[in-house]
Amino acid sequence: MKEYKSQTGKDIQLLFVQNHGVFISADTPDEIDLILNWVINMLDSAITKRLDFSECMHDKEDIPLISERIRGLSAGISHVIFDSSCESK
């Protein structure tokens, strides 16, 4: 950050920290909104497939049977979680 400031004379306004998020710095809340909206738009434009997490119809009566079979195959598994979204079909 010091190197960037020495080269540009400006403070960093946008910092991506791997596995931790994004830090935005600005002089006003409106400027932060502008930077954040720019980041969101850039990320949004890079998405090639939108996932569908809406609920889909599944054979819910089969869930207890499937759960028991999975637990029987895998020693030590006490819980089985089902994703009922359309992505899991």
C-alpha atoms as a PDB file:
ATOM      1  CA  MET A   1       0.000   0.000   0.000  1.00  0.00           C
ATOM      2  CA  LYS A   2       2.885   2.322   0.750  1.00  0.00           C
ATOM      3  CA  GLU A   3       4.422   1.547  -2.627  1.00  0.00           C
ATOM      4  CA  TYR A   4       1.136   2.340  -4.403  1.00  0.00           C
ATOM      5  CA  LYS A   5       0.850   5.647  -2.552  1.00  0.00           C
ATOM      6  CA  SER A   6       4.461   6.560  -3.279  1.00  0.00           C
ATOM      7  CA  GLN A   7       3.934   5.835  -6.985  1.00  0.00           C
ATOM      8  CA  THR A   8       0.516   7.477  -7.390  1.00  0.00           C
ATOM      9  CA  GLY A   9       0.245   9.916  -4.515  1.00  0.00           C
ATOM     10  CA  LYS A  10      -3.119   8.326  -3.650  1.00  0.00           C
ATOM     11  CA  ASP A  11      -4.331   5.918  -0.992  1.00  0.00           C
ATOM     12  CA  ILE A  12      -5.670   2.542  -2.068  1.00  0.00           C
ATOM     13  CA  GLN A  13      -9.449   2.638  -2.316  1.00  0.00           C
ATOM     14  CA  LEU A  14     -10.115  -1.003  -3.111  1.00  0.00           C
ATOM     15  CA  LEU A  15      -8.376  -3.957  -1.508  1.00  0.00           C
ATOM     16  CA  PHE A  16      -9.245  -7.614  -2.080  1.00  0.00           C
ATOM     17  CA  VAL A  17      -8.026  -9.837   0.739  1.00  0.00           C
ATOM     18  CA  GLN A  18      -7.925 -13.493  -0.289  1.00  0.00           C
ATOM     19  CA  ASN A  19     -10.559 -15.510   1.603  1.00  0.00           C
ATOM     20  CA  HIS A  20     -11.497 -12.489   3.711  1.00  0.00           C
ATOM     21  CA  GLY A  21     -13.406 -10.053   1.545  1.00  0.00           C
ATOM     22  CA  VAL A  22     -13.124  -6.581   0.128  1.00  0.00           C
ATOM     23  CA  PHE A  23     -12.122  -3.361   1.839  1.00  0.00           C
ATOM     24  CA  ILE A  24     -13.214  -0.048   0.362  1.00  0.00           C
ATOM     25  CA  SER A  25     -11.868   3.324   1.399  1.00  0.00           C
ATOM     26  CA  ALA A  26     -13.216   6.710   0.347  1.00  0.00           C
ATOM     27  CA  ASP A  27     -13.826  10.210   1.632  1.00  0.00           C
ATOM     28  CA  THR A  28     -17.621  10.003   1.595  1.00  0.00           C
ATOM     29  CA  PRO A  29     -20.321   7.333   1.896  1.00  0.00           C
ATOM     30  CA  ASP A  30     -21.506   8.198  -1.614  1.00  0.00           C
ATOM     31  CA  GLU A  31     -18.037   7.509  -3.003  1.00  0.00           C
ATOM     32  CA  ILE A  32     -17.998   4.139  -1.211  1.00  0.00           C
ATOM     33  CA  ASP A  33     -21.360   3.336  -2.824  1.00  0.00           C
ATOM     34  CA  LEU A  34     -19.962   4.199  -6.259  1.00  0.00           C
ATOM     35  CA  ILE A  35     -16.914   1.969  -5.779  1.00  0.00           C
ATOM     36  CA  LEU A  36     -18.992  -0.889  -4.370  1.00  0.00           C
ATOM     37  CA  ASN A  37     -21.497  -0.678  -7.227  1.00  0.00           C
ATOM     38  CA  TRP A  38     -18.611  -0.746  -9.719  1.00  0.00           C
ATOM     39  CA  VAL A  39     -17.219  -3.897  -8.045  1.00  0.00           C
ATOM     40  CA  ILE A  40     -20.636  -5.589  -8.020  1.00  0.00           C
ATOM     41  CA  ASN A  41     -21.221  -4.737 -11.678  1.00  0.00           C
ATOM     42  CA  MET A  42     -17.793  -6.058 -12.679  1.00  0.00           C
ATOM     43  CA  LEU A  43     -18.339  -9.325 -10.802  1.00  0.00           C
ATOM     44  CA  ASP A  44     -21.896  -9.619 -12.104  1.00  0.00           C
ATOM     45  CA  SER A  45     -20.736  -9.223 -15.704  1.00  0.00           C
ATOM     46  CA  ALA A  46     -18.221 -12.065 -15.220  1.00  0.00           C
ATOM     47  CA  ILE A  47     -20.869 -14.584 -14.129  1.00  0.00           C
ATOM     48  CA  THR A  48     -21.565 -16.993 -16.966  1.00  0.00           C
ATOM     49  CA  LYS A  49     -24.197 -19.175 -15.287  1.00  0.00           C
ATOM     50  CA  ARG A  50     -26.817 -18.140 -12.772  1.00  0.00           C
ATOM     51  CA  LEU A  51     -27.694 -20.824 -10.258  1.00  0.00           C
ATOM     52  CA  ASP A  52     -31.344 -21.522  -9.554  1.00  0.00           C
ATOM     53  CA  PHE A  53     -31.880 -21.960  -5.818  1.00  0.00           C
ATOM     54  CA  SER A  54     -35.662 -21.824  -5.961  1.00  0.00           C
ATOM     55  CA  GLU A  55     -37.543 -24.784  -4.512  1.00  0.00           C
ATOM     56  CA  CYS A  56     -38.258 -27.670  -6.878  1.00  0.00           C
ATOM     57  CA  MET A  57     -40.546 -30.627  -6.506  1.00  0.00           C
ATOM     58  CA  HIS A  58     -38.839 -33.765  -5.246  1.00  0.00           C
ATOM     59  CA  ASP A  59     -40.177 -37.099  -4.142  1.00  0.00           C
ATOM     60  CA  LYS A  60     -40.242 -36.100  -0.476  1.00  0.00           C
ATOM     61  CA  GLU A  61     -41.581 -39.477   0.608  1.00  0.00           C
ATOM     62  CA  ASP A  62     -38.292 -41.030  -0.579  1.00  0.00           C
ATOM     63  CA  ILE A  63     -36.096 -38.808   1.603  1.00  0.00           C
ATOM     64  CA  PRO A  64     -36.252 -40.918   4.810  1.00  0.00           C
ATOM     65  CA  LEU A  65     -35.478 -44.105   2.842  1.00  0.00           C
ATOM     66  CA  ILE A  66     -32.573 -42.480   0.998  1.00  0.00           C
ATOM     67  CA  SER A  67     -31.240 -41.042   4.280  1.00  0.00           C
ATOM     68  CA  GLU A  68     -31.208 -44.457   5.920  1.00  0.00           C
ATOM     69  CA  ARG A  69     -29.452 -46.041   2.954  1.00  0.00           C
ATOM     70  CA  ILE A  70     -26.757 -43.357   2.877  1.00  0.00           C
ATOM     71  CA  ARG A  71     -26.183 -43.686   6.632  1.00  0.00           C
ATOM     72  CA  GLY A  72     -25.961 -47.465   6.192  1.00  0.00           C
ATOM     73  CA  LEU A  73     -23.282 -47.106   3.506  1.00  0.00           C
ATOM     74  CA  SER A  74     -21.167 -44.590   5.401  1.00  0.00           C
ATOM     75  CA  ALA A  75     -20.204 -45.459   8.957  1.00  0.00           C
ATOM     76  CA  GLY A  76     -20.209 -42.501  11.276  1.00  0.00           C
ATOM     77  CA  ILE A  77     -22.582 -40.263   9.310  1.00  0.00           C
ATOM     78  CA  SER A  78     -25.403 -39.219  11.606  1.00  0.00           C
ATOM     79  CA  HIS A  79     -27.089 -36.561   9.468  1.00  0.00           C
ATOM     80  CA  VAL A  80     -27.923 -36.328   5.807  1.00  0.00           C
ATOM     81  CA  ILE A  81     -28.886 -32.947   4.353  1.00  0.00           C
ATOM     82  CA  PHE A  82     -30.972 -32.693   1.202  1.00  0.00           C
ATOM     83  CA  ASP A  83     -30.859 -29.689  -1.085  1.00  0.00           C
ATOM     84  CA  SER A  84     -34.337 -29.178  -2.492  1.00  0.00           C
ATOM     85  CA  SER A  85     -33.343 -26.396  -4.879  1.00  0.00           C
ATOM     86  CA  CYS A  86     -33.635 -26.742  -8.626  1.00  0.00           C
ATOM     87  CA  GLU A  87     -29.809 -26.812  -8.869  1.00  0.00           C
ATOM     88  CA  SER A  88     -29.705 -30.188  -7.159  1.00  0.00           C
ATOM     89  CA  LYS A  89     -31.880 -31.943  -9.767  1.00  0.00           C
END
